[in-house]
Amino acid sequence: MFDPNQFKRAVKDWMKQHPTATEAELVDFCEEQIPPAQYASSEWLVEHTLSWFRHVVAQRLKARTMYDSEEEAA
């Protein structure tokens, strides 16, 4: 049985281990985590995960940009 909570934990761990990963790499990882028989009913979870991933990447970029701006000002 597919456990969405275990999936979410696995994604968070994977992202910590792969901080420079791409969306395509994340999709591959997600597809490996969901059994093929349950993929159609869980596809929303992959889409939600990609949306969250984009948000995290944007926040990282924003933080890096702010840090770089502070360094230039100093």
N, C-alpha and C. Protein backbone atom coordinates (compact mmCIF):
# COMPACT_ATOMS: atom_id res chain seq x y z
N MET A 1 0.84 -1.19 0.00
CA MET A 1 0.00 0.00 0.00
C MET A 1 0.88 1.24 0.00
N PHE A 2 0.51 2.20 -0.80
CA PHE A 2 1.25 3.45 -0.92
C PHE A 2 0.88 4.38 0.23
N ASP A 3 1.90 4.91 0.92
CA ASP A 3 1.69 5.82 2.05
C ASP A 3 2.14 7.22 1.64
N PRO A 4 1.20 8.15 1.43
CA PRO A 4 1.57 9.51 1.02
C PRO A 4 2.48 10.22 2.03
N ASN A 5 2.32 9.94 3.31
CA ASN A 5 3.18 10.57 4.30
C ASN A 5 4.62 10.09 4.19
N GLN A 6 4.79 8.81 3.94
CA GLN A 6 6.13 8.27 3.72
C GLN A 6 6.74 8.87 2.45
N PHE A 7 5.91 9.05 1.43
CA PHE A 7 6.35 9.68 0.19
C PHE A 7 6.88 11.09 0.48
N LYS A 8 6.12 11.87 1.24
CA LYS A 8 6.53 13.23 1.56
C LYS A 8 7.85 13.26 2.33
N ARG A 9 8.00 12.34 3.29
CA ARG A 9 9.27 12.27 4.04
C ARG A 9 10.42 11.91 3.12
N ALA A 10 10.18 10.98 2.21
CA ALA A 10 11.22 10.55 1.28
C ALA A 10 11.64 11.71 0.36
N VAL A 11 10.66 12.50 -0.08
CA VAL A 11 10.97 13.65 -0.94
C VAL A 11 11.80 14.67 -0.18
N LYS A 12 11.41 14.97 1.06
CA LYS A 12 12.18 15.94 1.86
C LYS A 12 13.62 15.47 2.07
N ASP A 13 13.79 14.19 2.38
CA ASP A 13 15.13 13.65 2.56
C ASP A 13 15.93 13.72 1.27
N TRP A 14 15.28 13.38 0.17
CA TRP A 14 15.94 13.41 -1.13
C TRP A 14 16.38 14.83 -1.47
N MET A 15 15.53 15.81 -1.19
CA MET A 15 15.88 17.19 -1.49
C MET A 15 17.07 17.67 -0.65
N LYS A 16 17.14 17.21 0.59
CA LYS A 16 18.28 17.57 1.44
C LYS A 16 19.57 16.97 0.87
N GLN A 17 19.47 15.78 0.33
CA GLN A 17 20.64 15.10 -0.22
C GLN A 17 21.00 15.60 -1.62
N HIS A 18 20.06 16.24 -2.30
CA HIS A 18 20.26 16.72 -3.67
C HIS A 18 19.83 18.19 -3.78
N PRO A 19 20.53 19.10 -3.13
CA PRO A 19 20.09 20.50 -3.11
C PRO A 19 20.13 21.20 -4.46
N THR A 20 20.86 20.67 -5.42
CA THR A 20 20.93 21.30 -6.74
C THR A 20 20.16 20.50 -7.80
N ALA A 21 19.26 19.66 -7.36
CA ALA A 21 18.51 18.81 -8.29
C ALA A 21 17.58 19.63 -9.17
N THR A 22 17.23 19.04 -10.29
CA THR A 22 16.30 19.67 -11.22
C THR A 22 14.90 19.10 -11.04
N GLU A 23 13.93 19.76 -11.67
CA GLU A 23 12.57 19.24 -11.62
C GLU A 23 12.48 17.86 -12.25
N ALA A 24 13.19 17.66 -13.34
CA ALA A 24 13.15 16.36 -14.02
C ALA A 24 13.68 15.25 -13.11
N GLU A 25 14.73 15.56 -12.37
CA GLU A 25 15.27 14.57 -11.43
C GLU A 25 14.27 14.28 -10.31
N LEU A 26 13.58 15.30 -9.85
CA LEU A 26 12.57 15.10 -8.82
C LEU A 26 11.42 14.26 -9.35
N VAL A 27 10.98 14.52 -10.56
CA VAL A 27 9.90 13.73 -11.15
C VAL A 27 10.32 12.27 -11.23
N ASP A 28 11.54 12.01 -11.68
CA ASP A 28 12.04 10.63 -11.74
C ASP A 28 12.00 9.98 -10.37
N PHE A 29 12.45 10.70 -9.35
CA PHE A 29 12.44 10.17 -8.01
C PHE A 29 11.01 9.86 -7.56
N CYS A 30 10.11 10.80 -7.80
CA CYS A 30 8.70 10.61 -7.41
C CYS A 30 8.11 9.38 -8.09
N GLU A 31 8.38 9.24 -9.36
CA GLU A 31 7.83 8.10 -10.10
C GLU A 31 8.36 6.77 -9.56
N GLU A 32 9.58 6.78 -9.06
CA GLU A 32 10.14 5.56 -8.46
C GLU A 32 9.47 5.22 -7.13
N GLN A 33 8.97 6.24 -6.44
CA GLN A 33 8.40 6.03 -5.11
C GLN A 33 6.96 5.52 -5.15
N ILE A 34 6.25 5.80 -6.22
CA ILE A 34 4.84 5.45 -6.31
C ILE A 34 4.68 4.18 -7.14
N PRO A 35 4.03 3.17 -6.59
CA PRO A 35 3.81 1.93 -7.36
C PRO A 35 3.02 2.23 -8.64
N PRO A 36 3.39 1.60 -9.75
CA PRO A 36 2.72 1.88 -11.02
C PRO A 36 1.20 1.73 -10.96
N ALA A 37 0.70 0.77 -10.21
CA ALA A 37 -0.74 0.56 -10.13
C ALA A 37 -1.46 1.72 -9.44
N GLN A 38 -0.72 2.50 -8.66
CA GLN A 38 -1.33 3.61 -7.92
C GLN A 38 -0.91 4.97 -8.44
N TYR A 39 -0.14 4.99 -9.52
CA TYR A 39 0.38 6.26 -10.01
C TYR A 39 -0.75 7.18 -10.48
N ALA A 40 -1.70 6.67 -11.22
CA ALA A 40 -2.78 7.51 -11.76
C ALA A 40 -3.55 8.20 -10.63
N SER A 41 -3.82 7.48 -9.57
CA SER A 41 -4.58 8.08 -8.46
C SER A 41 -3.70 8.96 -7.57
N SER A 42 -2.40 8.90 -7.73
CA SER A 42 -1.48 9.69 -6.91
C SER A 42 -0.75 10.76 -7.71
N GLU A 43 -1.12 10.91 -8.97
CA GLU A 43 -0.43 11.89 -9.81
C GLU A 43 -0.56 13.31 -9.26
N TRP A 44 -1.67 13.61 -8.60
CA TRP A 44 -1.86 14.93 -7.98
C TRP A 44 -0.76 15.21 -6.97
N LEU A 45 -0.29 14.15 -6.30
CA LEU A 45 0.74 14.32 -5.29
C LEU A 45 2.07 14.72 -5.93
N VAL A 46 2.35 14.19 -7.09
CA VAL A 46 3.57 14.56 -7.82
C VAL A 46 3.47 16.03 -8.24
N GLU A 47 2.30 16.42 -8.76
CA GLU A 47 2.11 17.81 -9.17
C GLU A 47 2.25 18.76 -7.97
N HIS A 48 1.68 18.37 -6.85
CA HIS A 48 1.79 19.17 -5.63
C HIS A 48 3.26 19.26 -5.18
N THR A 49 3.97 18.16 -5.27
CA THR A 49 5.38 18.11 -4.88
C THR A 49 6.21 19.03 -5.78
N LEU A 50 5.93 19.03 -7.08
CA LEU A 50 6.66 19.91 -8.00
C LEU A 50 6.38 21.38 -7.69
N SER A 51 5.15 21.69 -7.35
CA SER A 51 4.82 23.06 -6.98
C SER A 51 5.59 23.47 -5.72
N TRP A 52 5.63 22.60 -4.75
CA TRP A 52 6.37 22.87 -3.52
C TRP A 52 7.87 23.02 -3.82
N PHE A 53 8.40 22.15 -4.69
CA PHE A 53 9.81 22.21 -5.08
C PHE A 53 10.13 23.56 -5.71
N ARG A 54 9.26 24.03 -6.61
CA ARG A 54 9.48 25.34 -7.25
C ARG A 54 9.51 26.45 -6.20
N HIS A 55 8.63 26.36 -5.22
CA HIS A 55 8.60 27.35 -4.15
C HIS A 55 9.92 27.33 -3.36
N VAL A 56 10.38 26.15 -3.00
CA VAL A 56 11.63 26.02 -2.24
C VAL A 56 12.80 26.58 -3.04
N VAL A 57 12.87 26.25 -4.32
CA VAL A 57 13.95 26.75 -5.16
C VAL A 57 13.89 28.28 -5.26
N ALA A 58 12.70 28.82 -5.41
CA ALA A 58 12.55 30.28 -5.48
C ALA A 58 12.98 30.94 -4.18
N GLN A 59 12.64 30.34 -3.05
CA GLN A 59 13.04 30.90 -1.76
C GLN A 59 14.55 30.84 -1.58
N ARG A 60 15.15 29.74 -2.02
CA ARG A 60 16.61 29.63 -1.94
C ARG A 60 17.27 30.72 -2.79
N LEU A 61 16.74 30.93 -3.98
CA LEU A 61 17.30 31.95 -4.88
C LEU A 61 17.13 33.34 -4.28
N LYS A 62 15.97 33.60 -3.70
CA LYS A 62 15.72 34.89 -3.07
C LYS A 62 16.69 35.12 -1.91
N ALA A 63 16.88 34.10 -1.09
CA ALA A 63 17.80 34.23 0.05
C ALA A 63 19.23 34.45 -0.44
N ARG A 64 19.62 33.73 -1.47
CA ARG A 64 20.97 33.87 -2.02
C ARG A 64 21.15 35.27 -2.60
N THR A 65 20.15 35.78 -3.29
CA THR A 65 20.22 37.12 -3.88
C THR A 65 20.33 38.17 -2.79
N MET A 66 19.55 38.02 -1.73
CA MET A 66 19.62 38.97 -0.62
C MET A 66 20.98 38.92 0.04
N TYR A 67 21.53 37.73 0.21
CA TYR A 67 22.85 37.57 0.84
C TYR A 67 23.91 38.23 -0.04
N ASP A 68 23.83 37.98 -1.35
CA ASP A 68 24.80 38.57 -2.27
C ASP A 68 24.72 40.09 -2.26
N SER A 69 23.51 40.64 -2.17
CA SER A 69 23.32 42.10 -2.13
C SER A 69 23.93 42.68 -0.86
N GLU A 70 23.76 41.99 0.25
CA GLU A 70 24.34 42.44 1.52
C GLU A 70 25.87 42.39 1.46
N GLU A 71 26.41 41.37 0.84
CA GLU A 71 27.85 41.25 0.72
C GLU A 71 28.43 42.38 -0.14
N GLU A 72 27.72 42.73 -1.22
CA GLU A 72 28.18 43.80 -2.09
C GLU A 72 28.12 45.15 -1.39
N ALA A 73 27.13 45.34 -0.54
CA ALA A 73 26.96 46.61 0.18
C ALA A 73 28.02 46.78 1.27
N ALA A 74 28.53 45.68 1.77
CA ALA A 74 29.50 45.76 2.87
C ALA A 74 30.88 46.15 2.42
